[in-house]
Structures are given as C-alpha cells and as structure tokens.
Amino acid sequence: MDETPEIRKLGDGRYSFVVGRERYTLGTSLDEECFLRVVRTAQEAVKDFPPTLKQEDRLFLALLSLANKTDEIGGRIDALLSLAEETGKGLL
C-alpha cells in the first residue's frame, strides 16, 4: 500500500480524507500545509497495520506510536538544550 490516500479540500477549512479504512470529513482552523502534514502523518502511522485490525485499534495504536515519537523528540531536545547550556557556559 504505497499509495497515499487522497485528501480532498472542500472549502472553508473543511477536508475529506482516509485514515486506515475510514473516510473522515472535518473542518479545521489549521493552515492547509500544516493540516495536510498532520493527516499524512496519521495515514503513515496506520498504513502498515494488519488489514484484519479493527479501525478503533488502528487509531489507538497510531496514537500510542505518535505519543512515543513525541516523547523521543522531547528527550532529544532536552539533551540538546543541556549540551548547549554546558557548551555556552565557557563562552561567557
């Protein structure tokens, strides 16, 4: 399943898109580029799950996966900030 499902722009901040096996239609105040990135990230998170998995389980596992990635990124940011603080001390 290499093909990314279409995301349809309906106007007035409304979009129709597929995540997993379901089509969703909703409105958002996010700018278009940001919203498209978010939907594509969700689509990517569920694309390799087994076809027998229920949609609710797909979405929950995707949520857990994204939460884990967010936590990992937060840890990397903290480590970089600590390194920058240590490195910066010698400059003053």
C-alpha atoms as a PDB file:
ATOM      1  CA  MET A   1       0.000   0.000   0.000  1.00  0.00           C
ATOM      2  CA  ASP A   2       2.482   2.619  -1.190  1.00  0.00           C
ATOM      3  CA  GLU A   3      -0.207   4.962  -2.433  1.00  0.00           C
ATOM      4  CA  THR A   4      -1.136   7.850  -0.134  1.00  0.00           C
ATOM      5  CA  PRO A   5      -4.913   8.263   0.023  1.00  0.00           C
ATOM      6  CA  GLU A   6      -6.272  11.486  -1.424  1.00  0.00           C
ATOM      7  CA  ILE A   7      -7.012  14.431   0.846  1.00  0.00           C
ATOM      8  CA  ARG A   8      -9.838  16.476  -0.618  1.00  0.00           C
ATOM      9  CA  LYS A   9     -10.142  20.175   0.159  1.00  0.00           C
ATOM     10  CA  LEU A  10     -13.838  21.020   0.433  1.00  0.00           C
ATOM     11  CA  GLY A  11     -13.527  24.751   1.151  1.00  0.00           C
ATOM     12  CA  ASP A  12     -13.981  26.869   4.278  1.00  0.00           C
ATOM     13  CA  GLY A  13     -11.268  24.881   6.088  1.00  0.00           C
ATOM     14  CA  ARG A  14     -13.054  21.556   5.536  1.00  0.00           C
ATOM     15  CA  TYR A  15     -11.332  18.420   4.271  1.00  0.00           C
ATOM     16  CA  SER A  16     -12.232  14.829   3.481  1.00  0.00           C
ATOM     17  CA  PHE A  17      -9.564  12.160   3.914  1.00  0.00           C
ATOM     18  CA  VAL A  18      -8.973   8.485   4.668  1.00  0.00           C
ATOM     19  CA  VAL A  19      -7.075   7.178   7.682  1.00  0.00           C
ATOM     20  CA  GLY A  20      -6.944   3.399   7.857  1.00  0.00           C
ATOM     21  CA  ARG A  21     -10.179   2.065   6.432  1.00  0.00           C
ATOM     22  CA  GLU A  22     -12.426   5.036   7.191  1.00  0.00           C
ATOM     23  CA  ARG A  23     -13.110   8.352   5.472  1.00  0.00           C
ATOM     24  CA  TYR A  24     -13.358  11.404   7.728  1.00  0.00           C
ATOM     25  CA  THR A  25     -14.696  14.838   6.907  1.00  0.00           C
ATOM     26  CA  LEU A  26     -13.951  17.698   9.239  1.00  0.00           C
ATOM     27  CA  GLY A  27     -13.152  21.371   9.491  1.00  0.00           C
ATOM     28  CA  THR A  28     -10.023  22.904  10.973  1.00  0.00           C
ATOM     29  CA  SER A  29      -8.535  26.292  11.696  1.00  0.00           C
ATOM     30  CA  LEU A  30      -5.027  24.992  10.919  1.00  0.00           C
ATOM     31  CA  ASP A  31      -3.426  26.368   7.796  1.00  0.00           C
ATOM     32  CA  GLU A  32      -3.609  23.997   4.840  1.00  0.00           C
ATOM     33  CA  GLU A  33       0.051  22.930   4.780  1.00  0.00           C
ATOM     34  CA  CYS A  34       0.037  22.130   8.488  1.00  0.00           C
ATOM     35  CA  PHE A  35      -3.227  20.185   8.279  1.00  0.00           C
ATOM     36  CA  LEU A  36      -2.012  18.157   5.295  1.00  0.00           C
ATOM     37  CA  ARG A  37       1.186  17.244   7.190  1.00  0.00           C
ATOM     38  CA  VAL A  38      -0.879  16.138  10.196  1.00  0.00           C
ATOM     39  CA  VAL A  39      -3.219  13.969   8.096  1.00  0.00           C
ATOM     40  CA  ARG A  40      -0.317  12.423   6.169  1.00  0.00           C
ATOM     41  CA  THR A  41       1.421  11.633   9.458  1.00  0.00           C
ATOM     42  CA  ALA A  42      -1.732   9.865  10.688  1.00  0.00           C
ATOM     43  CA  GLN A  43      -2.038   7.992   7.376  1.00  0.00           C
ATOM     44  CA  GLU A  44       1.595   6.929   7.589  1.00  0.00           C
ATOM     45  CA  ALA A  45       1.150   5.754  11.190  1.00  0.00           C
ATOM     46  CA  VAL A  46      -1.589   3.248  10.263  1.00  0.00           C
ATOM     47  CA  LYS A  47      -0.555   2.130   6.772  1.00  0.00           C
ATOM     48  CA  ASP A  48       1.416  -0.982   7.756  1.00  0.00           C
ATOM     49  CA  PHE A  49      -1.015  -2.364  10.332  1.00  0.00           C
ATOM     50  CA  PRO A  50      -2.558  -5.761   9.553  1.00  0.00           C
ATOM     51  CA  PRO A  51      -5.724  -5.495   7.431  1.00  0.00           C
ATOM     52  CA  THR A  52      -7.675  -7.528   9.995  1.00  0.00           C
ATOM     53  CA  LEU A  53      -7.159  -4.923  12.728  1.00  0.00           C
ATOM     54  CA  LYS A  54     -10.294  -3.000  13.696  1.00  0.00           C
ATOM     55  CA  GLN A  55     -10.299   0.722  12.872  1.00  0.00           C
ATOM     56  CA  GLU A  56     -10.548   1.704  16.548  1.00  0.00           C
ATOM     57  CA  ASP A  57      -7.461  -0.397  17.324  1.00  0.00           C
ATOM     58  CA  ARG A  58      -5.609   1.114  14.351  1.00  0.00           C
ATOM     59  CA  LEU A  59      -6.257   4.625  15.597  1.00  0.00           C
ATOM     60  CA  PHE A  60      -5.324   3.792  19.183  1.00  0.00           C
ATOM     61  CA  LEU A  61      -2.052   2.137  18.132  1.00  0.00           C
ATOM     62  CA  ALA A  62      -1.298   5.120  15.897  1.00  0.00           C
ATOM     63  CA  LEU A  63      -1.923   7.424  18.867  1.00  0.00           C
ATOM     64  CA  LEU A  64       0.478   5.412  21.017  1.00  0.00           C
ATOM     65  CA  SER A  65       3.099   5.407  18.257  1.00  0.00           C
ATOM     66  CA  LEU A  66       2.853   9.178  17.779  1.00  0.00           C
ATOM     67  CA  ALA A  67       2.961   9.766  21.546  1.00  0.00           C
ATOM     68  CA  ASN A  68       6.117   7.651  21.723  1.00  0.00           C
ATOM     69  CA  LYS A  69       7.729   9.609  18.891  1.00  0.00           C
ATOM     70  CA  THR A  70       6.792  12.881  20.599  1.00  0.00           C
ATOM     71  CA  ASP A  71       8.369  11.665  23.830  1.00  0.00           C
ATOM     72  CA  GLU A  72      11.552  10.613  21.982  1.00  0.00           C
ATOM     73  CA  ILE A  73      11.788  14.011  20.275  1.00  0.00           C
ATOM     74  CA  GLY A  74      11.270  15.741  23.627  1.00  0.00           C
ATOM     75  CA  GLY A  75      14.145  13.713  25.086  1.00  0.00           C
ATOM     76  CA  ARG A  76      16.401  14.694  22.198  1.00  0.00           C
ATOM     77  CA  ILE A  77      15.505  18.367  22.602  1.00  0.00           C
ATOM     78  CA  ASP A  78      16.266  18.180  26.334  1.00  0.00           C
ATOM     79  CA  ALA A  79      19.639  16.558  25.627  1.00  0.00           C
ATOM     80  CA  LEU A  80      20.489  19.228  23.033  1.00  0.00           C
ATOM     81  CA  LEU A  81      19.480  22.018  25.416  1.00  0.00           C
ATOM     82  CA  SER A  82      21.665  20.536  28.158  1.00  0.00           C
ATOM     83  CA  LEU A  83      24.575  20.280  25.740  1.00  0.00           C
ATOM     84  CA  ALA A  84      24.040  23.862  24.576  1.00  0.00           C
ATOM     85  CA  GLU A  85      23.926  25.102  28.176  1.00  0.00           C
ATOM     86  CA  GLU A  86      27.141  23.253  29.034  1.00  0.00           C
ATOM     87  CA  THR A  87      28.893  24.487  25.920  1.00  0.00           C
ATOM     88  CA  GLY A  88      27.652  28.039  26.401  1.00  0.00           C
ATOM     89  CA  LYS A  89      28.995  28.327  29.956  1.00  0.00           C
ATOM     90  CA  GLY A  90      32.569  28.508  28.728  1.00  0.00           C
ATOM     91  CA  LEU A  91      31.736  31.343  26.357  1.00  0.00           C
ATOM     92  CA  LEU A  92      30.736  33.899  28.996  1.00  0.00           C
END
